[in-house]
Amino acid sequence: MRLTPITATAGLLLTLTLTACSSSEEPATKPAPTTTTASPTTTADAEAAAQACSNAVYNTILNTPTTDATSLPKPPECATISDADYLETVLAVVQQQNKDGQDALRKAIEDAATPTP
């Protein structure tokens, strides 16, 4: 099954990405916090972009015959989001596909175990 290696690779990438950015040392100076107010239009645009990216990642995973998440091409719909958000999207899509597959298998087993009259 090709989703298991993709899930494992995506999880590993996410873990490595998050741990590579961490540091045990405190920075000498902390940057001043910035405050921004998001307008409803900006929020809606960001949500629409995130959904478009999620849909594109789903289609890319379905149509790419690879088991290596690092070699998945980044869809153009995901150009506006950060690499970290992109990796989270890939991981979420793979997890949802795995859940859907498990649900379908569970239903098939239940259907097979149910006697027909």
PDB file of N, CA and C in Angstrom:
ATOM      1  N   MET A   1       0.853  -1.180   0.000  1.00  0.00           N
ATOM      2  CA  MET A   1       0.000   0.000   0.000  1.00  0.00           C
ATOM      3  C   MET A   1       0.889   1.229   0.000  1.00  0.00           C
ATOM      4  N   ARG A   2       0.619   2.164  -0.870  1.00  0.00           N
ATOM      5  CA  ARG A   2       1.537   3.281  -1.036  1.00  0.00           C
ATOM      6  C   ARG A   2       1.308   4.405  -0.050  1.00  0.00           C
ATOM      7  N   LEU A   3       0.179   4.423   0.635  1.00  0.00           N
ATOM      8  CA  LEU A   3      -0.104   5.521   1.561  1.00  0.00           C
ATOM      9  C   LEU A   3       0.680   5.397   2.864  1.00  0.00           C
ATOM     10  N   THR A   4       0.966   4.172   3.289  1.00  0.00           N
ATOM     11  CA  THR A   4       1.714   3.999   4.527  1.00  0.00           C
ATOM     12  C   THR A   4       3.112   4.604   4.433  1.00  0.00           C
ATOM     13  N   PRO A   5       3.875   4.325   3.350  1.00  0.00           N
ATOM     14  CA  PRO A   5       5.187   4.980   3.255  1.00  0.00           C
ATOM     15  C   PRO A   5       5.082   6.490   3.124  1.00  0.00           C
ATOM     16  N   ILE A   6       4.029   6.965   2.441  1.00  0.00           N
ATOM     17  CA  ILE A   6       3.856   8.411   2.305  1.00  0.00           C
ATOM     18  C   ILE A   6       3.576   9.027   3.662  1.00  0.00           C
ATOM     19  N   THR A   7       2.731   8.368   4.444  1.00  0.00           N
ATOM     20  CA  THR A   7       2.415   8.871   5.778  1.00  0.00           C
ATOM     21  C   THR A   7       3.666   8.897   6.651  1.00  0.00           C
ATOM     22  N   ALA A   8       4.421   7.811   6.602  1.00  0.00           N
ATOM     23  CA  ALA A   8       5.635   7.735   7.417  1.00  0.00           C
ATOM     24  C   ALA A   8       6.632   8.809   6.997  1.00  0.00           C
ATOM     25  N   THR A   9       6.786   8.989   5.692  1.00  0.00           N
ATOM     26  CA  THR A   9       7.728   9.982   5.202  1.00  0.00           C
ATOM     27  C   THR A   9       7.265  11.391   5.551  1.00  0.00           C
ATOM     28  N   ALA A  10       5.972  11.661   5.389  1.00  0.00           N
ATOM     29  CA  ALA A  10       5.454  12.991   5.722  1.00  0.00           C
ATOM     30  C   ALA A  10       5.622  13.277   7.213  1.00  0.00           C
ATOM     31  N   GLY A  11       5.344  12.275   8.037  1.00  0.00           N
ATOM     32  CA  GLY A  11       5.528  12.453   9.479  1.00  0.00           C
ATOM     33  C   GLY A  11       6.975  12.703   9.837  1.00  0.00           C
ATOM     34  N   LEU A  12       7.874  11.956   9.191  1.00  0.00           N
ATOM     35  CA  LEU A  12       9.292  12.141   9.433  1.00  0.00           C
ATOM     36  C   LEU A  12       9.739  13.530   8.991  1.00  0.00           C
ATOM     37  N   LEU A  13       9.274  13.954   7.820  1.00  0.00           N
ATOM     38  CA  LEU A  13       9.622  15.293   7.341  1.00  0.00           C
ATOM     39  C   LEU A  13       9.132  16.371   8.287  1.00  0.00           C
ATOM     40  N   LEU A  14       7.904  16.225   8.750  1.00  0.00           N
ATOM     41  CA  LEU A  14       7.348  17.212   9.667  1.00  0.00           C
ATOM     42  C   LEU A  14       8.158  17.254  10.958  1.00  0.00           C
ATOM     43  N   THR A  15       8.489  16.086  11.476  1.00  0.00           N
ATOM     44  CA  THR A  15       9.274  16.014  12.707  1.00  0.00           C
ATOM     45  C   THR A  15      10.652  16.638  12.514  1.00  0.00           C
ATOM     46  N   LEU A  16      11.305  16.284  11.406  1.00  0.00           N
ATOM     47  CA  LEU A  16      12.630  16.835  11.155  1.00  0.00           C
ATOM     48  C   LEU A  16      12.572  18.345  10.934  1.00  0.00           C
ATOM     49  N   THR A  17      11.551  18.787  10.260  1.00  0.00           N
ATOM     50  CA  THR A  17      11.406  20.222  10.020  1.00  0.00           C
ATOM     51  C   THR A  17      11.218  20.976  11.328  1.00  0.00           C
ATOM     52  N   LEU A  18      10.366  20.437  12.184  1.00  0.00           N
ATOM     53  CA  LEU A  18      10.102  21.122  13.449  1.00  0.00           C
ATOM     54  C   LEU A  18      11.301  21.079  14.382  1.00  0.00           C
ATOM     55  N   THR A  19      12.027  19.973  14.408  1.00  0.00           N
ATOM     56  CA  THR A  19      13.177  19.890  15.304  1.00  0.00           C
ATOM     57  C   THR A  19      14.373  20.650  14.760  1.00  0.00           C
ATOM     58  N   ALA A  20      14.465  20.806  13.458  1.00  0.00           N
ATOM     59  CA  ALA A  20      15.584  21.551  12.880  1.00  0.00           C
ATOM     60  C   ALA A  20      15.477  23.036  13.188  1.00  0.00           C
ATOM     61  N   CYS A  21      14.279  23.501  13.403  1.00  0.00           N
ATOM     62  CA  CYS A  21      14.077  24.924  13.679  1.00  0.00           C
ATOM     63  C   CYS A  21      14.205  25.254  15.166  1.00  0.00           C
ATOM     64  N   SER A  22      14.284  24.247  15.994  1.00  0.00           N
ATOM     65  CA  SER A  22      14.344  24.522  17.422  1.00  0.00           C
ATOM     66  C   SER A  22      15.787  24.740  17.861  1.00  0.00           C
ATOM     67  N   SER A  23      15.927  25.437  18.944  1.00  0.00           N
ATOM     68  CA  SER A  23      17.248  25.715  19.488  1.00  0.00           C
ATOM     69  C   SER A  23      17.140  25.766  20.997  1.00  0.00           C
ATOM     70  N   SER A  24      18.178  25.270  21.670  1.00  0.00           N
ATOM     71  CA  SER A  24      18.155  25.297  23.122  1.00  0.00           C
ATOM     72  C   SER A  24      18.629  26.639  23.657  1.00  0.00           C
ATOM     73  N   GLU A  25      19.173  27.480  22.807  1.00  0.00           N
ATOM     74  CA  GLU A  25      19.661  28.781  23.228  1.00  0.00           C
ATOM     75  C   GLU A  25      18.589  29.837  23.019  1.00  0.00           C
ATOM     76  N   GLU A  26      18.514  30.762  23.960  1.00  0.00           N
ATOM     77  CA  GLU A  26      17.592  31.881  23.827  1.00  0.00           C
ATOM     78  C   GLU A  26      18.260  32.948  22.968  1.00  0.00           C
ATOM     79  N   PRO A  27      17.521  33.592  22.099  1.00  0.00           N
ATOM     80  CA  PRO A  27      18.130  34.666  21.307  1.00  0.00           C
ATOM     81  C   PRO A  27      18.530  35.826  22.212  1.00  0.00           C
ATOM     82  N   ALA A  28      19.590  36.546  21.794  1.00  0.00           N
ATOM     83  CA  ALA A  28      20.096  37.656  22.597  1.00  0.00           C
ATOM     84  C   ALA A  28      19.037  38.744  22.737  1.00  0.00           C
ATOM     85  N   THR A  29      18.379  39.069  21.673  1.00  0.00           N
ATOM     86  CA  THR A  29      17.313  40.060  21.735  1.00  0.00           C
ATOM     87  C   THR A  29      16.071  39.464  21.113  1.00  0.00           C
ATOM     88  N   LYS A  30      14.976  39.730  21.749  1.00  0.00           N
ATOM     89  CA  LYS A  30      13.714  39.234  21.222  1.00  0.00           C
ATOM     90  C   LYS A  30      13.094  40.316  20.353  1.00  0.00           C
ATOM     91  N   PRO A  31      12.613  39.930  19.176  1.00  0.00           N
ATOM     92  CA  PRO A  31      11.989  40.944  18.330  1.00  0.00           C
ATOM     93  C   PRO A  31      10.684  41.438  18.949  1.00  0.00           C
ATOM     94  N   ALA A  32      10.378  42.667  18.668  1.00  0.00           N
ATOM     95  CA  ALA A  32       9.141  43.253  19.192  1.00  0.00           C
ATOM     96  C   ALA A  32       7.952  42.573  18.538  1.00  0.00           C
ATOM     97  N   PRO A  33       6.937  42.259  19.321  1.00  0.00           N
ATOM     98  CA  PRO A  33       5.771  41.615  18.717  1.00  0.00           C
ATOM     99  C   PRO A  33       5.064  42.578  17.773  1.00  0.00           C
ATOM    100  N   THR A  34       4.631  42.018  16.664  1.00  0.00           N
ATOM    101  CA  THR A  34       3.908  42.842  15.707  1.00  0.00           C
ATOM    102  C   THR A  34       2.427  42.536  15.819  1.00  0.00           C
ATOM    103  N   THR A  35       1.645  43.546  15.691  1.00  0.00           N
ATOM    104  CA  THR A  35       0.205  43.347  15.749  1.00  0.00           C
ATOM    105  C   THR A  35      -0.374  43.713  14.397  1.00  0.00           C
ATOM    106  N   THR A  36      -1.182  42.807  13.892  1.00  0.00           N
ATOM    107  CA  THR A  36      -1.870  43.071  12.643  1.00  0.00           C
ATOM    108  C   THR A  36      -3.330  42.723  12.839  1.00  0.00           C
ATOM    109  N   THR A  37      -4.148  43.462  12.180  1.00  0.00           N
ATOM    110  CA  THR A  37      -5.566  43.163  12.236  1.00  0.00           C
ATOM    111  C   THR A  37      -5.974  42.631  10.881  1.00  0.00           C
ATOM    112  N   ALA A  38      -6.542  41.440  10.882  1.00  0.00           N
ATOM    113  CA  ALA A  38      -6.961  40.825   9.639  1.00  0.00           C
ATOM    114  C   ALA A  38      -8.402  41.207   9.348  1.00  0.00           C
ATOM    115  N   SER A  39      -8.599  41.671   8.170  1.00  0.00           N
ATOM    116  CA  SER A  39      -9.960  41.994   7.770  1.00  0.00           C
ATOM    117  C   SER A  39     -10.667  40.705   7.385  1.00  0.00           C
ATOM    118  N   PRO A  40     -11.984  40.680   7.419  1.00  0.00           N
ATOM    119  CA  PRO A  40     -12.710  39.468   7.039  1.00  0.00           C
ATOM    120  C   PRO A  40     -12.378  39.008   5.625  1.00  0.00           C
ATOM    121  N   THR A  41     -12.119  39.938   4.724  1.00  0.00           N
ATOM    122  CA  THR A  41     -11.784  39.571   3.352  1.00  0.00           C
ATOM    123  C   THR A  41     -10.454  38.850   3.311  1.00  0.00           C
ATOM    124  N   THR A  42      -9.464  39.355   4.060  1.00  0.00           N
ATOM    125  CA  THR A  42      -8.153  38.718   4.094  1.00  0.00           C
ATOM    126  C   THR A  42      -8.261  37.322   4.675  1.00  0.00           C
ATOM    127  N   THR A  43      -9.008  37.159   5.732  1.00  0.00           N
ATOM    128  CA  THR A  43      -9.185  35.850   6.353  1.00  0.00           C
ATOM    129  C   THR A  43      -9.882  34.894   5.390  1.00  0.00           C
ATOM    130  N   ALA A  44     -10.899  35.372   4.730  1.00  0.00           N
ATOM    131  CA  ALA A  44     -11.619  34.534   3.772  1.00  0.00           C
ATOM    132  C   ALA A  44     -10.714  34.149   2.610  1.00  0.00           C
ATOM    133  N   ASP A  45      -9.885  35.080   2.143  1.00  0.00           N
ATOM    134  CA  ASP A  45      -8.953  34.781   1.067  1.00  0.00           C
ATOM    135  C   ASP A  45      -7.935  33.738   1.498  1.00  0.00           C
ATOM    136  N   ALA A  46      -7.431  33.864   2.723  1.00  0.00           N
ATOM    137  CA  ALA A  46      -6.462  32.898   3.237  1.00  0.00           C
ATOM    138  C   ALA A  46      -7.094  31.522   3.369  1.00  0.00           C
ATOM    139  N   GLU A  47      -8.324  31.468   3.843  1.00  0.00           N
ATOM    140  CA  GLU A  47      -9.014  30.180   3.977  1.00  0.00           C
ATOM    141  C   GLU A  47      -9.284  29.570   2.609  1.00  0.00           C
ATOM    142  N   ALA A  48      -9.655  30.385   1.641  1.00  0.00           N
ATOM    143  CA  ALA A  48      -9.894  29.892   0.282  1.00  0.00           C
ATOM    144  C   ALA A  48      -8.600  29.366  -0.329  1.00  0.00           C
ATOM    145  N   ALA A  49      -7.502  30.072  -0.095  1.00  0.00           N
ATOM    146  CA  ALA A  49      -6.203  29.624  -0.605  1.00  0.00           C
ATOM    147  C   ALA A  49      -5.786  28.316   0.052  1.00  0.00           C
ATOM    148  N   ALA A  50      -6.026  28.196   1.351  1.00  0.00           N
ATOM    149  CA  ALA A  50      -5.680  26.965   2.057  1.00  0.00           C
ATOM    150  C   ALA A  50      -6.514  25.793   1.542  1.00  0.00           C
ATOM    151  N   GLN A  51      -7.801  26.017   1.286  1.00  0.00           N
ATOM    152  CA  GLN A  51      -8.661  24.957   0.761  1.00  0.00           C
ATOM    153  C   GLN A  51      -8.238  24.570  -0.653  1.00  0.00           C
ATOM    154  N   ALA A  52      -7.897  25.556  -1.473  1.00  0.00           N
ATOM    155  CA  ALA A  52      -7.435  25.270  -2.835  1.00  0.00           C
ATOM    156  C   ALA A  52      -6.147  24.462  -2.798  1.00  0.00           C
ATOM    157  N   CYS A  53      -5.253  24.805  -1.885  1.00  0.00           N
ATOM    158  CA  CYS A  53      -4.006  24.065  -1.729  1.00  0.00           C
ATOM    159  C   CYS A  53      -4.288  22.637  -1.280  1.00  0.00           C
ATOM    160  N   SER A  54      -5.176  22.480  -0.321  1.00  0.00           N
ATOM    161  CA  SER A  54      -5.527  21.145   0.179  1.00  0.00           C
ATOM    162  C   SER A  54      -6.100  20.279  -0.941  1.00  0.00           C
ATOM    163  N   ASN A  55      -6.988  20.846  -1.745  1.00  0.00           N
ATOM    164  CA  ASN A  55      -7.565  20.104  -2.868  1.00  0.00           C
ATOM    165  C   ASN A  55      -6.489  19.722  -3.885  1.00  0.00           C
ATOM    166  N   ALA A  56      -5.571  20.642  -4.154  1.00  0.00           N
ATOM    167  CA  ALA A  56      -4.499  20.376  -5.115  1.00  0.00           C
ATOM    168  C   ALA A  56      -3.553  19.295  -4.593  1.00  0.00           C
ATOM    169  N   VAL A  57      -3.243  19.335  -3.300  1.00  0.00           N
ATOM    170  CA  VAL A  57      -2.382  18.307  -2.707  1.00  0.00           C
ATOM    171  C   VAL A  57      -3.060  16.947  -2.799  1.00  0.00           C
ATOM    172  N   TYR A  58      -4.353  16.902  -2.525  1.00  0.00           N
ATOM    173  CA  TYR A  58      -5.105  15.649  -2.616  1.00  0.00           C
ATOM    174  C   TYR A  58      -5.003  15.077  -4.027  1.00  0.00           C
ATOM    175  N   ASN A  59      -5.235  15.918  -5.027  1.00  0.00           N
ATOM    176  CA  ASN A  59      -5.151  15.452  -6.415  1.00  0.00           C
ATOM    177  C   ASN A  59      -3.735  15.046  -6.791  1.00  0.00           C
ATOM    178  N   THR A  60      -2.752  15.773  -6.295  1.00  0.00           N
ATOM    179  CA  THR A  60      -1.356  15.441  -6.591  1.00  0.00           C
ATOM    180  C   THR A  60      -0.991  14.089  -5.993  1.00  0.00           C
ATOM    181  N   ILE A  61      -1.395  13.839  -4.757  1.00  0.00           N
ATOM    182  CA  ILE A  61      -1.083  12.555  -4.114  1.00  0.00           C
ATOM    183  C   ILE A  61      -1.761  11.413  -4.853  1.00  0.00           C
ATOM    184  N   LEU A  62      -3.000  11.621  -5.270  1.00  0.00           N
ATOM    185  CA  LEU A  62      -3.714  10.569  -6.001  1.00  0.00           C
ATOM    186  C   LEU A  62      -3.078  10.273  -7.351  1.00  0.00           C
ATOM    187  N   ASN A  63      -2.552  11.292  -8.012  1.00  0.00           N
ATOM    188  CA  ASN A  63      -2.059  11.132  -9.374  1.00  0.00           C
ATOM    189  C   ASN A  63      -0.548  10.996  -9.494  1.00  0.00           C
ATOM    190  N   THR A  64       0.165  10.917  -8.379  1.00  0.00           N
ATOM    191  CA  THR A  64       1.617  10.797  -8.412  1.00  0.00           C
ATOM    192  C   THR A  64       2.006   9.399  -7.965  1.00  0.00           C
ATOM    193  N   PRO A  65       2.678   8.649  -8.838  1.00  0.00           N
ATOM    194  CA  PRO A  65       3.038   7.270  -8.490  1.00  0.00           C
ATOM    195  C   PRO A  65       4.326   7.185  -7.672  1.00  0.00           C
ATOM    196  N   THR A  66       4.430   7.958  -6.635  1.00  0.00           N
ATOM    197  CA  THR A  66       5.620   7.920  -5.791  1.00  0.00           C
ATOM    198  C   THR A  66       5.219   7.614  -4.366  1.00  0.00           C
ATOM    199  N   THR A  67       6.155   7.059  -3.627  1.00  0.00           N
ATOM    200  CA  THR A  67       5.901   6.800  -2.218  1.00  0.00           C
ATOM    201  C   THR A  67       6.766   7.698  -1.346  1.00  0.00           C
ATOM    202  N   ASP A  68       7.445   8.639  -1.955  1.00  0.00           N
ATOM    203  CA  ASP A  68       8.333   9.536  -1.225  1.00  0.00           C
ATOM    204  C   ASP A  68       7.715  10.931  -1.180  1.00  0.00           C
ATOM    205  N   ALA A  69       7.313  11.355  -0.009  1.00  0.00           N
ATOM    206  CA  ALA A  69       6.640  12.652   0.127  1.00  0.00           C
ATOM    207  C   ALA A  69       7.555  13.811  -0.243  1.00  0.00           C
ATOM    208  N   THR A  70       8.858  13.625  -0.121  1.00  0.00           N
ATOM    209  CA  THR A  70       9.770  14.724  -0.449  1.00  0.00           C
ATOM    210  C   THR A  70       9.834  14.976  -1.940  1.00  0.00           C
ATOM    211  N   SER A  71       9.459  13.983  -2.759  1.00  0.00           N
ATOM    212  CA  SER A  71       9.513  14.175  -4.204  1.00  0.00           C
ATOM    213  C   SER A  71       8.168  14.589  -4.783  1.00  0.00           C
ATOM    214  N   LEU A  72       7.180  14.809  -3.933  1.00  0.00           N
ATOM    215  CA  LEU A  72       5.889  15.294  -4.430  1.00  0.00           C
ATOM    216  C   LEU A  72       6.061  16.717  -4.942  1.00  0.00           C
ATOM    217  N   PRO A  73       5.572  16.981  -6.152  1.00  0.00           N
ATOM    218  CA  PRO A  73       5.670  18.359  -6.638  1.00  0.00           C
ATOM    219  C   PRO A  73       4.707  19.261  -5.866  1.00  0.00           C
ATOM    220  N   LYS A  74       5.164  20.456  -5.550  1.00  0.00           N
ATOM    221  CA  LYS A  74       4.311  21.412  -4.839  1.00  0.00           C
ATOM    222  C   LYS A  74       3.383  22.056  -5.856  1.00  0.00           C
ATOM    223  N   PRO A  75       2.080  21.876  -5.692  1.00  0.00           N
ATOM    224  CA  PRO A  75       1.132  22.443  -6.653  1.00  0.00           C
ATOM    225  C   PRO A  75       1.198  23.971  -6.664  1.00  0.00           C
ATOM    226  N   PRO A  76       0.907  24.585  -7.804  1.00  0.00           N
ATOM    227  CA  PRO A  76       0.940  26.045  -7.884  1.00  0.00           C
ATOM    228  C   PRO A  76      -0.063  26.716  -6.944  1.00  0.00           C
ATOM    229  N   GLU A  77      -1.135  26.008  -6.595  1.00  0.00           N
ATOM    230  CA  GLU A  77      -2.127  26.570  -5.671  1.00  0.00           C
ATOM    231  C   GLU A  77      -1.548  26.766  -4.278  1.00  0.00           C
ATOM    232  N   CYS A  78      -0.429  26.127  -3.995  1.00  0.00           N
ATOM    233  CA  CYS A  78       0.191  26.204  -2.667  1.00  0.00           C
ATOM    234  C   CYS A  78       1.343  27.212  -2.621  1.00  0.00           C
ATOM    235  N   ALA A  79       1.517  27.971  -3.672  1.00  0.00           N
ATOM    236  CA  ALA A  79       2.645  28.907  -3.741  1.00  0.00           C
ATOM    237  C   ALA A  79       2.558  30.009  -2.690  1.00  0.00           C
ATOM    238  N   THR A  80       1.344  30.342  -2.252  1.00  0.00           N
ATOM    239  CA  THR A  80       1.190  31.470  -1.325  1.00  0.00           C
ATOM    240  C   THR A  80       1.328  31.061   0.134  1.00  0.00           C
ATOM    241  N   ILE A  81       1.409  29.772   0.426  1.00  0.00           N
ATOM    242  CA  ILE A  81       1.521  29.356   1.823  1.00  0.00           C
ATOM    243  C   ILE A  81       2.960  28.969   2.137  1.00  0.00           C
ATOM    244  N   SER A  82       3.312  29.019   3.403  1.00  0.00           N
ATOM    245  CA  SER A  82       4.679  28.714   3.829  1.00  0.00           C
ATOM    246  C   SER A  82       4.964  27.220   3.668  1.00  0.00           C
ATOM    247  N   ASP A  83       6.247  26.881   3.674  1.00  0.00           N
ATOM    248  CA  ASP A  83       6.631  25.473   3.556  1.00  0.00           C
ATOM    249  C   ASP A  83       6.103  24.656   4.730  1.00  0.00           C
ATOM    250  N   ALA A  84       6.117  25.238   5.922  1.00  0.00           N
ATOM    251  CA  ALA A  84       5.613  24.517   7.099  1.00  0.00           C
ATOM    252  C   ALA A  84       4.118  24.238   6.955  1.00  0.00           C
ATOM    253  N   ASP A  85       3.368  25.235   6.502  1.00  0.00           N
ATOM    254  CA  ASP A  85       1.929  25.035   6.297  1.00  0.00           C
ATOM    255  C   ASP A  85       1.673  24.025   5.186  1.00  0.00           C
ATOM    256  N   TYR A  86       2.523  24.036   4.153  1.00  0.00           N
ATOM    257  CA  TYR A  86       2.390  23.068   3.066  1.00  0.00           C
ATOM    258  C   TYR A  86       2.606  21.651   3.594  1.00  0.00           C
ATOM    259  N   LEU A  87       3.635  21.456   4.397  1.00  0.00           N
ATOM    260  CA  LEU A  87       3.893  20.122   4.958  1.00  0.00           C
ATOM    261  C   LEU A  87       2.758  19.678   5.874  1.00  0.00           C
ATOM    262  N   GLU A  88       2.203  20.597   6.636  1.00  0.00           N
ATOM    263  CA  GLU A  88       1.051  20.261   7.475  1.00  0.00           C
ATOM    264  C   GLU A  88      -0.147  19.864   6.612  1.00  0.00           C
ATOM    265  N   THR A  89      -0.322  20.546   5.490  1.00  0.00           N
ATOM    266  CA  THR A  89      -1.415  20.212   4.582  1.00  0.00           C
ATOM    267  C   THR A  89      -1.213  18.821   3.997  1.00  0.00           C
ATOM    268  N   VAL A  90       0.013  18.513   3.555  1.00  0.00           N
ATOM    269  CA  VAL A  90       0.311  17.185   3.014  1.00  0.00           C
ATOM    270  C   VAL A  90       0.022  16.124   4.072  1.00  0.00           C
ATOM    271  N   LEU A  91       0.483  16.356   5.281  1.00  0.00           N
ATOM    272  CA  LEU A  91       0.257  15.394   6.358  1.00  0.00           C
ATOM    273  C   LEU A  91      -1.231  15.212   6.637  1.00  0.00           C
ATOM    274  N   ALA A  92      -1.981  16.291   6.685  1.00  0.00           N
ATOM    275  CA  ALA A  92      -3.421  16.204   6.949  1.00  0.00           C
ATOM    276  C   ALA A  92      -4.145  15.455   5.839  1.00  0.00           C
ATOM    277  N   VAL A  93      -3.762  15.699   4.589  1.00  0.00           N
ATOM    278  CA  VAL A  93      -4.399  15.006   3.464  1.00  0.00           C
ATOM    279  C   VAL A  93      -4.099  13.517   3.521  1.00  0.00           C
ATOM    280  N   VAL A  94      -2.855  13.165   3.792  1.00  0.00           N
ATOM    281  CA  VAL A  94      -2.481  11.748   3.877  1.00  0.00           C
ATOM    282  C   VAL A  94      -3.203  11.072   5.044  1.00  0.00           C
ATOM    283  N   GLN A  95      -3.288  11.750   6.177  1.00  0.00           N
ATOM    284  CA  GLN A  95      -4.003  11.183   7.321  1.00  0.00           C
ATOM    285  C   GLN A  95      -5.478  10.980   6.996  1.00  0.00           C
ATOM    286  N   GLN A  96      -6.088  11.920   6.287  1.00  0.00           N
ATOM    287  CA  GLN A  96      -7.498  11.783   5.920  1.00  0.00           C
ATOM    288  C   GLN A  96      -7.687  10.628   4.941  1.00  0.00           C
ATOM    289  N   GLN A  97      -6.768  10.476   3.993  1.00  0.00           N
ATOM    290  CA  GLN A  97      -6.853   9.356   3.058  1.00  0.00           C
ATOM    291  C   GLN A  97      -6.710   8.028   3.794  1.00  0.00           C
ATOM    292  N   ASN A  98      -5.809   7.974   4.749  1.00  0.00           N
ATOM    293  CA  ASN A  98      -5.652   6.753   5.538  1.00  0.00           C
ATOM    294  C   ASN A  98      -6.920   6.445   6.326  1.00  0.00           C
ATOM    295  N   LYS A  99      -7.522   7.475   6.935  1.00  0.00           N
ATOM    296  CA  LYS A  99      -8.756   7.269   7.691  1.00  0.00           C
ATOM    297  C   LYS A  99      -9.872   6.780   6.773  1.00  0.00           C
ATOM    298  N   ASP A 100      -9.987   7.394   5.592  1.00  0.00           N
ATOM    299  CA  ASP A 100     -11.009   6.966   4.639  1.00  0.00           C
ATOM    300  C   ASP A 100     -10.803   5.516   4.217  1.00  0.00           C
ATOM    301  N   GLY A 101      -9.541   5.134   3.996  1.00  0.00           N
ATOM    302  CA  GLY A 101      -9.238   3.755   3.629  1.00  0.00           C
ATOM    303  C   GLY A 101      -9.564   2.784   4.749  1.00  0.00           C
ATOM    304  N   GLN A 102      -9.262   3.165   5.972  1.00  0.00           N
ATOM    305  CA  GLN A 102      -9.582   2.318   7.128  1.00  0.00           C
ATOM    306  C   GLN A 102     -11.089   2.168   7.276  1.00  0.00           C
ATOM    307  N   ASP A 103     -11.824   3.269   7.099  1.00  0.00           N
ATOM    308  CA  ASP A 103     -13.289   3.205   7.196  1.00  0.00           C
ATOM    309  C   ASP A 103     -13.870   2.300   6.113  1.00  0.00           C
ATOM    310  N   ALA A 104     -13.345   2.408   4.890  1.00  0.00           N
ATOM    311  CA  ALA A 104     -13.834   1.573   3.795  1.00  0.00           C
ATOM    312  C   ALA A 104     -13.529   0.095   4.061  1.00  0.00           C
ATOM    313  N   LEU A 105     -12.341  -0.180   4.595  1.00  0.00           N
ATOM    314  CA  LEU A 105     -11.986  -1.554   4.927  1.00  0.00           C
ATOM    315  C   LEU A 105     -12.874  -2.089   6.042  1.00  0.00           C
ATOM    316  N   ARG A 106     -13.092  -1.272   7.058  1.00  0.00           N
ATOM    317  CA  ARG A 106     -13.948  -1.685   8.170  1.00  0.00           C
ATOM    318  C   ARG A 106     -15.366  -2.003   7.673  1.00  0.00           C
ATOM    319  N   LYS A 107     -15.891  -1.178   6.776  1.00  0.00           N
ATOM    320  CA  LYS A 107     -17.227  -1.406   6.221  1.00  0.00           C
ATOM    321  C   LYS A 107     -17.245  -2.677   5.375  1.00  0.00           C
ATOM    322  N   ALA A 108     -16.209  -2.899   4.588  1.00  0.00           N
ATOM    323  CA  ALA A 108     -16.146  -4.112   3.765  1.00  0.00           C
ATOM    324  C   ALA A 108     -16.090  -5.362   4.627  1.00  0.00           C
ATOM    325  N   ILE A 109     -15.363  -5.304   5.735  1.00  0.00           N
ATOM    326  CA  ILE A 109     -15.288  -6.449   6.640  1.00  0.00           C
ATOM    327  C   ILE A 109     -16.644  -6.691   7.290  1.00  0.00           C
ATOM    328  N   GLU A 110     -17.299  -5.623   7.722  1.00  0.00           N
ATOM    329  CA  GLU A 110     -18.629  -5.767   8.323  1.00  0.00           C
ATOM    330  C   GLU A 110     -19.626  -6.334   7.316  1.00  0.00           C
ATOM    331  N   ASP A 111     -19.569  -5.839   6.067  1.00  0.00           N
ATOM    332  CA  ASP A 111     -20.468  -6.346   5.041  1.00  0.00           C
ATOM    333  C   ASP A 111     -20.210  -7.821   4.747  1.00  0.00           C
ATOM    334  N   ALA A 112     -18.934  -8.209   4.741  1.00  0.00           N
ATOM    335  CA  ALA A 112     -18.592  -9.598   4.462  1.00  0.00           C
ATOM    336  C   ALA A 112     -19.001 -10.502   5.619  1.00  0.00           C
ATOM    337  N   ALA A 113     -18.971  -9.981   6.834  1.00  0.00           N
ATOM    338  CA  ALA A 113     -19.299 -10.789   7.998  1.00  0.00           C
ATOM    339  C   ALA A 113     -20.813 -10.880   8.236  1.00  0.00           C
ATOM    340  N   THR A 114     -21.572  -9.999   7.626  1.00  0.00           N
ATOM    341  CA  THR A 114     -23.018 -10.005   7.803  1.00  0.00           C
ATOM    342  C   THR A 114     -23.631 -11.038   6.853  1.00  0.00           C
ATOM    343  N   PRO A 115     -24.345 -12.017   7.415  1.00  0.00           N
ATOM    344  CA  PRO A 115     -24.950 -13.034   6.545  1.00  0.00           C
ATOM    345  C   PRO A 115     -26.087 -12.425   5.724  1.00  0.00           C
ATOM    346  N   THR A 116     -26.180 -12.862   4.491  1.00  0.00           N
ATOM    347  CA  THR A 116     -27.273 -12.389   3.639  1.00  0.00           C
ATOM    348  C   THR A 116     -28.451 -13.342   3.744  1.00  0.00           C
ATOM    349  N   PRO A 117     -29.648 -12.824   3.825  1.00  0.00           N
ATOM    350  CA  PRO A 117     -30.821 -13.698   4.010  1.00  0.00           C
ATOM    351  C   PRO A 117     -31.182 -14.468   2.757  1.00  0.00           C
TER     352      PRO A 117
END
